[in-house]
Protein backbone atom coordinates (compact mmCIF):
# COMPACT_ATOMS: atom_id res chain seq x y z
CA MET A 1 -15.12 55.57 -91.87
CA ASP A 2 -18.47 56.74 -90.59
CA LEU A 3 -19.13 53.41 -88.86
CA ILE A 4 -16.18 53.60 -86.49
CA PRO A 5 -17.32 56.64 -84.46
CA ASN A 6 -20.80 55.20 -84.18
CA ALA A 7 -19.49 51.88 -82.93
CA VAL A 8 -17.39 53.57 -80.32
CA HIS A 9 -20.32 55.70 -79.21
CA ILE A 10 -22.57 52.63 -78.78
CA GLN A 11 -20.04 50.47 -76.95
CA MET A 12 -18.99 53.07 -74.40
CA PRO A 13 -21.95 54.05 -72.16
CA THR A 14 -21.85 57.11 -69.99
CA PRO A 15 -21.13 56.66 -66.23
CA SER A 16 -24.80 57.15 -65.38
CA GLN A 17 -25.68 54.10 -67.50
CA GLY A 18 -23.31 51.68 -65.78
CA SER A 19 -24.79 48.31 -64.97
CA SER A 20 -22.78 47.63 -61.82
CA CYS A 21 -23.69 48.83 -58.35
CA VAL A 22 -20.42 50.68 -57.97
CA ALA A 23 -20.84 52.57 -61.24
CA GLN A 24 -24.32 53.72 -60.31
CA ASP A 25 -23.38 54.83 -56.83
CA THR A 26 -20.00 56.42 -57.68
CA PRO A 27 -20.26 60.22 -58.04
CA THR A 28 -18.46 62.12 -60.82
CA LYS A 29 -16.50 64.28 -58.37
CA PRO A 30 -13.73 62.82 -56.15
CA LEU A 31 -14.85 61.42 -52.85
CA PRO A 32 -13.73 63.23 -49.69
CA ALA A 33 -11.11 61.44 -47.63
CA ASP A 34 -13.51 60.80 -44.76
CA ASN A 35 -15.87 58.87 -47.07
CA ILE A 36 -13.23 56.21 -47.63
CA ALA A 37 -13.38 55.16 -43.99
CA PRO A 38 -16.28 53.04 -42.67
CA LYS A 39 -19.49 55.00 -42.50
CA VAL A 40 -20.23 54.31 -38.85
CA PRO A 41 -17.50 53.38 -36.37
CA VAL A 42 -18.14 50.54 -33.98
CA ARG A 43 -17.40 51.60 -30.44
CA PRO A 44 -16.18 49.09 -27.85
CA ALA A 45 -19.01 50.00 -25.44
CA LEU A 46 -21.55 49.22 -28.14
CA SER A 47 -20.33 45.68 -28.74
CA SER A 48 -20.40 44.82 -25.01
CA SER A 49 -23.89 46.25 -24.65
CA THR A 50 -25.05 44.36 -27.71
CA SER A 51 -23.79 41.06 -26.28
CA ASP A 52 -25.92 41.68 -23.18
CA LEU A 53 -28.96 42.45 -25.31
CA LEU A 54 -28.57 39.20 -27.23
CA LYS A 55 -29.49 37.30 -24.08
CA LEU A 56 -32.97 38.82 -24.30
CA LEU A 57 -33.59 37.47 -27.80
CA PRO A 58 -34.25 33.99 -29.24
CA THR A 59 -30.95 32.36 -30.18
CA GLY A 60 -32.12 31.06 -33.55
CA THR A 61 -33.29 34.49 -34.69
CA VAL A 62 -30.02 36.11 -33.65
CA LEU A 63 -27.95 33.44 -35.40
CA ALA A 64 -30.01 33.81 -38.57
CA PHE A 65 -29.47 37.56 -38.60
CA GLN A 66 -25.74 37.29 -37.90
CA ALA A 67 -25.33 34.67 -40.62
CA LEU A 68 -27.30 36.51 -43.33
CA ALA A 69 -26.57 40.17 -42.56
CA PRO A 70 -22.99 40.23 -43.94
CA SER A 71 -24.08 38.77 -47.28
CA PHE A 72 -27.35 40.70 -47.55
CA SER A 73 -25.64 44.00 -46.74
CA ASN A 74 -22.61 43.24 -48.94
CA HIS A 75 -20.46 44.19 -45.92
CA GLY A 76 -21.85 47.73 -45.95
CA MET A 77 -21.35 48.45 -49.68
CA CYS A 78 -24.97 48.15 -50.76
CA CYS A 79 -26.88 48.28 -54.01
CA PRO A 80 -30.61 49.10 -53.84
CA ALA A 81 -31.30 45.36 -53.96
CA ASN A 82 -29.10 44.85 -50.88
CA GLN A 83 -31.04 47.52 -49.01
CA TYR A 84 -34.33 45.75 -49.74
CA MET A 85 -32.86 42.44 -48.58
CA VAL A 86 -31.54 43.97 -45.36
CA LEU A 87 -34.90 45.58 -44.60
CA SER A 88 -36.67 42.28 -45.31
CA LEU A 89 -34.26 40.42 -43.04
CA ILE A 90 -34.79 42.90 -40.20
CA ALA A 91 -38.58 42.71 -40.62
CA ALA A 92 -38.61 38.88 -40.72
CA CYS A 93 -36.42 38.57 -37.64
CA GLY A 94 -38.52 41.16 -35.81
CA VAL A 95 -41.69 39.20 -36.55
CA SER A 96 -39.93 36.04 -35.36
CA CYS A 97 -39.10 37.72 -32.04
CA VAL A 98 -42.73 38.75 -31.60
CA LEU A 99 -44.17 35.31 -32.40
CA LEU A 100 -41.66 33.44 -30.24
CA SER A 101 -42.62 35.64 -27.30
CA PHE A 102 -45.99 33.86 -27.27
CA THR A 103 -44.50 30.36 -27.20
CA ASP A 104 -43.98 28.25 -24.10
CA SER A 105 -42.80 24.80 -23.06
CA LEU A 106 -43.61 22.37 -20.29
CA VAL A 107 -43.03 18.80 -19.22
CA GLY A 108 -46.24 16.78 -19.21
CA ARG A 109 -47.29 14.23 -16.63
CA ASP A 110 -45.94 11.57 -18.96
CA GLY A 111 -42.43 13.01 -18.60
CA LYS A 112 -42.21 14.32 -22.18
CA LEU A 113 -41.27 17.87 -23.14
CA TYR A 114 -43.89 19.78 -25.11
CA HIS A 115 -43.46 23.04 -27.00
CA GLY A 116 -46.42 25.11 -28.05
CA MET A 117 -48.13 28.43 -28.48
CA ALA A 118 -49.93 30.34 -25.75
CA THR A 119 -53.54 31.13 -26.60
CA PHE A 120 -56.31 33.08 -24.92
CA ARG A 121 -57.61 29.78 -23.54
CA GLY A 122 -54.35 28.27 -22.41
CA PHE A 123 -51.61 26.34 -24.16
CA TYR A 124 -51.64 24.51 -27.49
CA PRO A 125 -48.72 22.05 -27.89
CA PHE A 126 -47.15 21.57 -31.30
CA ASN A 127 -45.83 18.05 -30.71
CA TYR A 128 -48.78 16.31 -29.04
CA THR A 129 -50.73 13.85 -31.16
CA GLY A 130 -53.33 12.51 -28.70
CA THR A 131 -56.97 13.44 -28.33
CA ARG A 132 -58.16 16.53 -26.54
CA GLU A 133 -59.11 14.56 -23.45
CA GLU A 134 -55.71 12.86 -23.35
CA ARG A 135 -54.00 16.20 -23.81
CA GLU A 136 -55.90 17.74 -20.90
CA ALA A 137 -55.01 14.76 -18.70
CA THR A 138 -51.35 14.86 -19.72
CA LEU A 139 -50.82 18.60 -19.50
CA LYS A 140 -53.18 19.08 -16.57
CA ASP A 141 -54.37 22.71 -16.16
CA VAL A 142 -53.24 24.64 -19.24
CA SER A 143 -55.34 27.72 -18.51
CA ARG A 144 -52.48 29.14 -16.44
CA PHE A 145 -50.49 29.52 -19.67
CA ARG A 146 -53.05 31.70 -21.43
CA ILE A 147 -52.02 34.99 -23.05
CA THR A 148 -51.89 38.04 -20.80
CA ALA A 149 -51.22 41.74 -21.38
CA LEU A 150 -47.65 41.20 -20.21
CA ASP A 151 -47.02 38.95 -23.21
CA PHE A 152 -47.84 41.78 -25.61
CA VAL A 153 -45.51 44.11 -23.70
CA HIS A 154 -42.68 41.60 -23.90
CA ALA A 155 -43.36 40.92 -27.58
CA PHE A 156 -43.19 44.63 -28.38
CA PHE A 157 -39.98 45.20 -26.46
CA SER A 158 -38.42 42.03 -27.87
CA ALA A 159 -38.88 43.52 -31.31
CA LEU A 160 -37.34 46.79 -30.04
CA VAL A 161 -34.34 44.93 -28.63
CA PHE A 162 -33.78 43.18 -31.92
CA LEU A 163 -34.08 46.49 -33.75
CA ALA A 164 -31.42 47.89 -31.44
CA VAL A 165 -29.13 44.95 -32.18
CA ALA A 166 -29.70 45.26 -35.93
CA LEU A 167 -29.06 49.01 -36.01
CA ALA A 168 -25.93 48.54 -33.92
CA ASP A 169 -24.36 46.56 -36.78
CA ALA A 170 -21.98 48.86 -38.70
CA ARG A 171 -22.65 46.96 -41.95
CA VAL A 172 -26.38 47.55 -41.66
CA GLN A 173 -25.81 51.22 -40.88
CA GLY A 174 -23.45 51.62 -43.83
CA CYS A 175 -25.95 49.87 -46.11
CA LEU A 176 -29.11 51.74 -45.13
CA TRP A 177 -27.53 55.17 -44.58
CA PRO A 178 -24.45 55.32 -46.83
CA ASP A 179 -24.41 59.13 -46.96
CA ALA A 180 -25.19 59.78 -43.32
CA GLY A 181 -23.82 62.98 -41.86
CA PRO A 182 -22.20 63.37 -38.43
CA ASP A 183 -25.54 63.92 -36.69
CA MET A 184 -27.07 60.82 -38.26
CA LYS A 185 -24.00 58.75 -37.38
CA GLU A 186 -24.18 59.80 -33.74
CA LEU A 187 -27.91 59.03 -33.68
CA MET A 188 -27.40 55.56 -35.13
CA VAL A 189 -24.65 54.82 -32.61
CA ASN A 190 -26.52 56.02 -29.51
CA LEU A 191 -30.14 55.23 -30.41
CA PRO A 192 -29.64 51.43 -30.15
CA LEU A 193 -28.06 51.92 -26.75
CA GLY A 194 -31.04 53.92 -25.55
CA ILE A 195 -33.53 51.39 -26.92
CA GLY A 196 -31.63 48.51 -25.37
CA PHE A 197 -31.39 50.20 -21.97
CA MET A 198 -35.11 51.02 -21.91
CA SER A 199 -36.07 47.49 -22.96
CA SER A 200 -33.75 45.93 -20.39
CA MET A 201 -35.39 47.98 -17.65
CA VAL A 202 -38.84 46.80 -18.76
CA PHE A 203 -37.74 43.15 -18.74
CA MET A 204 -36.20 43.60 -15.30
CA ILE A 205 -39.21 45.36 -13.74
CA PHE A 206 -41.81 43.16 -15.45
CA PRO A 207 -40.20 39.71 -15.82
CA THR A 208 -42.01 37.06 -17.79
CA THR A 209 -42.58 33.48 -16.68
CA ARG A 210 -42.68 32.18 -20.24
CA LYS A 211 -40.21 29.49 -21.24
CA SER A 212 -40.28 30.50 -24.88
CA ILE A 213 -38.75 28.48 -27.69
CA GLY A 214 -35.20 29.46 -28.53
CA TYR A 215 -34.47 31.62 -25.49
CA THR A 216 -31.56 31.13 -23.10
CA ASP A 217 -33.72 30.21 -20.13
CA MET A 218 -35.27 27.00 -21.38
CA THR A 219 -36.09 25.30 -18.06
CA PRO A 220 -39.63 24.14 -18.89
CA HIS A 221 -42.67 24.30 -16.67
CA VAL A 222 -43.93 21.12 -15.07
CA ALA A 223 -47.56 20.11 -15.53
């Protein structure tokens, strides 16, 4: 008779010891009615602005984020592991935007398209296998493709634009700030718009001549 109460006590953990994400995150008191709705509403103006911002980012990076974000964020219902994955995804895509800002492409004198990385000396193609002398003859003067201060500006604001796009996603907002109050919700809705507007103005006033890998404007330079 003494074994039965003990068995019941061992097999029925308290709510704070639940192994699932929902059990750990579910409070003991009833949730308010407004917590049942999505944490951050998606406004129509935000989606149209986001679509314009996507044109300023590399297509592959954007597609990777859009493909992985729903799964990584668990559609806004996040465990701590989901939050780490979302933060890692945002960081990796941000780094990708920065690195791709220093890439370029051009058509050599042999008629072939070459992609490469801009350096402080010029341009280093990824897909050229000839000697250095042959490369200089094929690509002609590569010093005009060297890194400038404008490249760092565009790299920085490309990362800002991506951050604006990532924070504009309601699933990311619900995952990273599940208990956000009204002020935080308004900040997360309007901050991406402000970042995107500022970055768009910088790109418009200081346009780049880079034909970076993965961007919409992929008309290469001609050697």
